[in-house]
Structures are given as C-alpha cells and as structure tokens.
Amino acid sequence: MVVTIPRINTNGTLTAMTSDAGKLLNMMEAESCERVITHLFDIFC
C-alpha cells in the first residue's frame, strides 16, 4: 500500500504528489464520497 500525501500550492489549489492521488482527487469532484471510499477499498484492500 502506497500512501500519497497531497500538498497545497501557494495559489491554494490542491495538487497530488502522485498521478493515482490526482485521479482520486478528480473522482472526488465528479462522484460522491461514498463511491470514492469504495474505490479506495478496491485499490488498497
């Protein structure tokens, strides 16, 4: 399991240190939190 830590840029936007985390952030914007959490379980479990 790889833990990714997002960081906040000086302009206030949230950017991820890895592409996978970036994809998850995009999913959070497009989908409900429940579906994102389910996807996280699919990836890490």
N, C-alpha and C. Protein backbone atom coordinates (compact mmCIF):
# COMPACT_ATOMS: atom_id res chain seq x y z
N MET A 1 0.84 -1.20 0.00
CA MET A 1 0.00 0.00 0.00
C MET A 1 0.87 1.24 0.00
N VAL A 2 0.61 2.11 -0.93
CA VAL A 2 1.37 3.36 -1.04
C VAL A 2 0.51 4.50 -0.54
N VAL A 3 1.02 5.24 0.42
CA VAL A 3 0.28 6.38 0.95
C VAL A 3 0.77 7.64 0.26
N THR A 4 -0.16 8.36 -0.34
CA THR A 4 0.21 9.60 -1.01
C THR A 4 -0.26 10.79 -0.19
N ILE A 5 0.59 11.79 -0.09
CA ILE A 5 0.26 12.98 0.69
C ILE A 5 0.05 14.16 -0.25
N PRO A 6 -1.20 14.65 -0.34
CA PRO A 6 -1.42 15.83 -1.17
C PRO A 6 -0.81 17.07 -0.52
N ARG A 7 -0.44 18.01 -1.34
CA ARG A 7 0.10 19.25 -0.79
C ARG A 7 -0.63 20.43 -1.41
N ILE A 8 -0.65 21.53 -0.69
CA ILE A 8 -1.36 22.71 -1.17
C ILE A 8 -0.36 23.68 -1.79
N ASN A 9 -0.63 24.06 -3.03
CA ASN A 9 0.25 25.01 -3.70
C ASN A 9 0.02 26.41 -3.13
N THR A 10 0.90 27.33 -3.48
CA THR A 10 0.80 28.70 -2.99
C THR A 10 -0.46 29.37 -3.52
N ASN A 11 -0.98 28.89 -4.67
CA ASN A 11 -2.18 29.52 -5.21
C ASN A 11 -3.45 28.95 -4.59
N GLY A 12 -3.30 27.98 -3.67
CA GLY A 12 -4.46 27.49 -2.93
C GLY A 12 -5.08 26.23 -3.51
N THR A 13 -4.56 25.76 -4.65
CA THR A 13 -5.13 24.55 -5.23
C THR A 13 -4.45 23.33 -4.64
N LEU A 14 -5.20 22.23 -4.60
CA LEU A 14 -4.66 21.01 -4.02
C LEU A 14 -4.08 20.14 -5.14
N THR A 15 -2.79 19.84 -5.03
CA THR A 15 -2.16 19.00 -6.04
C THR A 15 -1.59 17.77 -5.38
N ALA A 16 -1.69 16.64 -6.07
CA ALA A 16 -1.22 15.39 -5.50
C ALA A 16 0.22 15.12 -5.93
N MET A 17 0.94 14.38 -5.09
CA MET A 17 2.33 14.05 -5.41
C MET A 17 2.43 12.88 -6.38
N THR A 18 1.33 12.13 -6.55
CA THR A 18 1.35 11.02 -7.48
C THR A 18 0.15 11.10 -8.40
N SER A 19 0.25 10.46 -9.55
CA SER A 19 -0.85 10.50 -10.51
C SER A 19 -2.08 9.79 -9.96
N ASP A 20 -1.88 8.70 -9.20
CA ASP A 20 -3.02 7.99 -8.64
C ASP A 20 -3.81 8.89 -7.70
N ALA A 21 -3.10 9.65 -6.87
CA ALA A 21 -3.79 10.55 -5.96
C ALA A 21 -4.52 11.63 -6.75
N GLY A 22 -3.93 12.07 -7.85
CA GLY A 22 -4.59 13.07 -8.68
C GLY A 22 -5.88 12.53 -9.27
N LYS A 23 -5.84 11.25 -9.69
CA LYS A 23 -7.05 10.64 -10.24
C LYS A 23 -8.13 10.56 -9.16
N LEU A 24 -7.72 10.22 -7.93
CA LEU A 24 -8.69 10.14 -6.84
C LEU A 24 -9.29 11.51 -6.54
N LEU A 25 -8.47 12.55 -6.59
CA LEU A 25 -8.99 13.90 -6.36
C LEU A 25 -10.01 14.26 -7.44
N ASN A 26 -9.73 13.87 -8.68
CA ASN A 26 -10.68 14.14 -9.76
C ASN A 26 -11.97 13.38 -9.53
N MET A 27 -11.86 12.14 -9.02
CA MET A 27 -13.05 11.35 -8.74
C MET A 27 -13.88 11.99 -7.64
N MET A 28 -13.19 12.55 -6.64
CA MET A 28 -13.91 13.19 -5.54
C MET A 28 -14.75 14.35 -6.05
N GLU A 29 -14.25 15.04 -7.07
CA GLU A 29 -15.00 16.16 -7.62
C GLU A 29 -16.19 15.67 -8.44
N ALA A 30 -16.04 14.52 -9.10
CA ALA A 30 -17.06 14.05 -10.03
C ALA A 30 -18.05 13.09 -9.39
N GLU A 31 -17.64 12.42 -8.33
CA GLU A 31 -18.50 11.39 -7.74
C GLU A 31 -18.75 11.69 -6.27
N SER A 32 -19.66 10.93 -5.70
CA SER A 32 -19.96 11.10 -4.29
C SER A 32 -18.83 10.51 -3.45
N CYS A 33 -18.72 10.95 -2.21
CA CYS A 33 -17.66 10.48 -1.33
C CYS A 33 -17.76 8.97 -1.10
N GLU A 34 -18.96 8.46 -1.04
CA GLU A 34 -19.13 7.03 -0.79
C GLU A 34 -18.51 6.21 -1.90
N ARG A 35 -18.70 6.64 -3.14
CA ARG A 35 -18.14 5.89 -4.27
C ARG A 35 -16.63 5.98 -4.27
N VAL A 36 -16.09 7.13 -3.86
CA VAL A 36 -14.63 7.29 -3.80
C VAL A 36 -14.06 6.36 -2.73
N ILE A 37 -14.71 6.32 -1.58
CA ILE A 37 -14.25 5.45 -0.50
C ILE A 37 -14.28 3.99 -0.95
N THR A 38 -15.35 3.60 -1.64
CA THR A 38 -15.44 2.24 -2.15
C THR A 38 -14.30 1.97 -3.12
N HIS A 39 -13.96 2.93 -3.95
CA HIS A 39 -12.87 2.76 -4.91
C HIS A 39 -11.54 2.62 -4.18
N LEU A 40 -11.36 3.38 -3.09
CA LEU A 40 -10.14 3.27 -2.31
C LEU A 40 -9.99 1.86 -1.75
N PHE A 41 -11.10 1.30 -1.26
CA PHE A 41 -11.03 -0.07 -0.74
C PHE A 41 -10.67 -1.03 -1.86
N ASP A 42 -11.20 -0.80 -3.06
CA ASP A 42 -10.89 -1.68 -4.19
C ASP A 42 -9.40 -1.62 -4.52
N ILE A 43 -8.80 -0.45 -4.38
CA ILE A 43 -7.38 -0.29 -4.73
C ILE A 43 -6.48 -0.89 -3.64
N PHE A 44 -6.75 -0.56 -2.39
CA PHE A 44 -5.80 -0.86 -1.33
C PHE A 44 -6.07 -2.16 -0.60
N CYS A 45 -7.27 -2.73 -0.77
CA CYS A 45 -7.60 -3.93 0.01
C CYS A 45 -7.62 -5.16 -0.90
